[in-house]
């Protein structure tokens, strides 16, 4: 049995803030750099992480959700749609192979409304996906996309 995914440095939900009021301050600052460094170490050890990732498939608008990164799990990368007042939707596994094509700052009004994000253009299988990821989580998401194919447990 695998542990539940832990939120990354840039991903904070209301229970996180209630449990630790300093989470609010780190949210205003854009995330805690020490936690971001730990996220990368945890990812490479095979621990499950969860990061906010707005997804645009059809070119129209971003759908709010999270990217679950668990390199030691059966589905190494999966995106889950956010549903208000309920758990997340059914995981949508990212087809293999994954290749990051571009990382850019928000360029439209709709993208800037998402906050401090970077937009990743990713070739996923035969499709092109655009994901808006919180800036401090960009490194761990890119590492997960790059290492999902070749990751092996440490022996």
Protein backbone atom coordinates (compact mmCIF):
# COMPACT_ATOMS: atom_id res chain seq x y z
CA UNK A 1 0.00 0.00 0.00
CA UNK A 2 1.34 3.39 -0.99
CA UNK A 3 1.06 6.51 1.18
CA UNK A 4 -1.34 9.23 0.01
CA UNK A 5 0.22 11.96 -2.14
CA UNK A 6 1.75 14.94 -0.35
CA UNK A 7 1.15 18.45 -1.66
CA UNK A 8 4.11 20.16 -3.28
CA UNK A 9 5.52 23.54 -2.21
CA UNK A 10 3.18 25.55 -4.45
CA UNK A 11 0.07 23.44 -3.80
CA UNK A 12 -1.87 24.47 -0.73
CA UNK A 13 -5.46 23.62 0.16
CA UNK A 14 -7.60 25.03 2.98
CA UNK A 15 -6.81 22.13 5.40
CA UNK A 16 -3.09 22.85 4.90
CA UNK A 17 -3.58 26.48 5.92
CA UNK A 18 -5.75 25.56 8.92
CA UNK A 19 -3.18 23.01 10.09
CA UNK A 20 -0.26 25.43 9.69
CA UNK A 21 -1.11 29.17 9.50
CA UNK A 22 2.35 29.93 8.04
CA UNK A 23 1.18 28.15 4.86
CA UNK A 24 -0.81 31.30 4.07
CA UNK A 25 2.34 33.41 4.22
CA UNK A 26 4.30 31.02 2.02
CA UNK A 27 1.38 31.11 -0.43
CA UNK A 28 1.68 34.89 -0.63
CA UNK A 29 5.44 34.53 -1.16
CA UNK A 30 4.95 31.97 -3.96
CA UNK A 31 5.95 28.88 -1.98
CA UNK A 32 8.65 27.73 0.40
CA UNK A 33 11.98 27.09 -1.42
CA UNK A 34 13.10 24.58 1.23
CA UNK A 35 9.95 22.51 0.66
CA UNK A 36 10.48 22.74 -3.12
CA UNK A 37 13.98 21.27 -2.74
CA UNK A 38 12.56 18.48 -0.57
CA UNK A 39 9.86 17.82 -3.19
CA UNK A 40 12.51 16.99 -5.78
CA UNK A 41 14.28 14.62 -3.37
CA UNK A 42 10.99 12.92 -2.42
CA UNK A 43 10.01 12.52 -6.07
CA UNK A 44 13.30 10.82 -6.87
CA UNK A 45 12.86 8.48 -3.88
CA UNK A 46 9.52 7.35 -5.30
CA UNK A 47 7.19 9.12 -2.85
CA UNK A 48 3.86 10.34 -4.27
CA UNK A 49 3.41 14.08 -4.77
CA UNK A 50 0.47 16.20 -5.92
CA UNK A 51 0.77 19.54 -7.71
CA UNK A 52 -1.86 21.96 -8.99
CA UNK A 53 -1.91 21.66 -12.78
CA UNK A 54 -4.53 23.38 -14.91
CA UNK A 55 -4.90 21.43 -18.16
CA UNK A 56 -5.84 22.69 -21.63
CA UNK A 57 -6.44 20.04 -24.26
CA UNK A 58 -8.79 21.65 -26.73
CA UNK A 59 -7.11 25.06 -26.95
CA UNK A 60 -10.05 26.89 -25.37
CA UNK A 61 -9.74 27.09 -21.60
CA UNK A 62 -7.87 25.51 -18.71
CA UNK A 63 -9.54 22.88 -16.54
CA UNK A 64 -8.55 23.02 -12.89
CA UNK A 65 -6.97 19.89 -11.46
CA UNK A 66 -3.90 18.26 -9.98
CA UNK A 67 -1.03 16.24 -11.38
CA UNK A 68 -0.26 13.20 -9.23
CA UNK A 69 3.37 12.16 -9.60
CA UNK A 70 4.27 8.75 -8.17
CA UNK A 71 7.26 7.27 -9.93
CA UNK A 72 7.11 4.07 -7.84
CA UNK A 73 3.40 3.55 -8.50
CA UNK A 74 1.60 1.68 -11.28
CA UNK A 75 0.49 4.97 -12.88
CA UNK A 76 3.54 7.19 -12.64
CA UNK A 77 1.82 10.38 -13.81
CA UNK A 78 -1.92 11.05 -13.75
CA UNK A 79 -4.03 14.20 -13.95
CA UNK A 80 -7.21 14.48 -11.85
CA UNK A 81 -9.96 17.02 -12.49
CA UNK A 82 -10.94 19.22 -9.54
CA UNK A 83 -14.57 18.90 -8.43
CA UNK A 84 -15.97 21.38 -5.91
CA UNK A 85 -16.98 19.96 -2.51
CA UNK A 86 -15.99 16.41 -3.55
CA UNK A 87 -12.88 14.38 -4.08
CA UNK A 88 -10.96 14.75 -7.30
CA UNK A 89 -12.19 13.08 -10.46
CA UNK A 90 -10.97 9.78 -11.83
CA UNK A 91 -7.24 9.89 -12.67
CA UNK A 92 -6.36 10.34 -16.33
CA UNK A 93 -2.98 8.66 -16.88
CA UNK A 94 -0.55 10.54 -19.10
CA UNK A 95 0.17 8.36 -22.13
CA UNK A 96 3.85 7.61 -22.74
CA UNK A 97 6.28 8.97 -23.86
CA UNK A 98 6.38 12.44 -22.27
CA UNK A 99 8.40 15.29 -23.72
CA UNK A 100 8.43 18.91 -22.55
CA UNK A 101 8.40 21.08 -25.68
CA UNK A 102 8.17 24.56 -24.16
CA UNK A 103 7.98 26.38 -20.83
CA UNK A 104 6.70 29.94 -20.96
CA UNK A 105 5.13 32.69 -18.91
CA UNK A 106 1.39 33.34 -19.27
CA UNK A 107 0.72 35.17 -22.53
CA UNK A 108 -3.04 35.82 -22.52
CA UNK A 109 -5.48 37.44 -20.11
CA UNK A 110 -7.04 34.06 -19.26
CA UNK A 111 -3.62 32.57 -18.48
CA UNK A 112 -2.64 35.52 -16.26
CA UNK A 113 -5.84 35.02 -14.24
CA UNK A 114 -4.41 31.69 -13.01
CA UNK A 115 -1.80 33.55 -10.93
CA UNK A 116 1.93 32.92 -10.67
CA UNK A 117 2.18 30.02 -13.13
CA UNK A 118 4.31 28.76 -15.97
CA UNK A 119 2.67 27.12 -18.97
CA UNK A 120 4.27 23.84 -20.01
CA UNK A 121 3.64 22.53 -23.50
CA UNK A 122 4.07 18.77 -23.33
CA UNK A 123 3.93 16.07 -25.97
CA UNK A 124 2.05 13.26 -24.25
CA UNK A 125 1.90 10.17 -26.41
CA UNK A 126 0.58 11.49 -29.71
CA UNK A 127 -1.19 14.56 -28.24
CA UNK A 128 -0.04 18.03 -27.20
CA UNK A 129 -1.12 19.08 -23.69
CA UNK A 130 -0.72 22.50 -22.09
CA UNK A 131 -0.43 22.57 -18.31
CA UNK A 132 -0.34 25.70 -16.17
CA UNK A 133 1.77 24.83 -13.11
CA UNK A 134 2.59 27.03 -10.11
CA UNK A 135 6.03 28.56 -10.75
CA UNK A 136 7.77 27.01 -7.74
CA UNK A 137 6.47 23.54 -8.75
CA UNK A 138 7.68 23.79 -12.35
CA UNK A 139 11.02 22.11 -11.57
CA UNK A 140 9.51 19.07 -9.87
CA UNK A 141 6.84 18.65 -12.58
CA UNK A 142 9.47 18.85 -15.34
CA UNK A 143 11.64 16.35 -13.47
CA UNK A 144 8.67 13.98 -13.12
CA UNK A 145 7.90 14.25 -16.84
CA UNK A 146 11.55 13.64 -17.76
CA UNK A 147 12.23 10.83 -15.28
CA UNK A 148 8.93 8.92 -15.41
CA UNK A 149 10.20 6.64 -18.18
CA UNK A 150 13.63 5.85 -16.75
CA UNK A 151 13.07 5.96 -12.96
CA UNK A 152 14.21 2.88 -11.05
CA UNK A 153 14.02 2.28 -7.29
CA UNK A 154 17.25 2.80 -5.36
CA UNK A 155 18.74 -0.50 -4.29
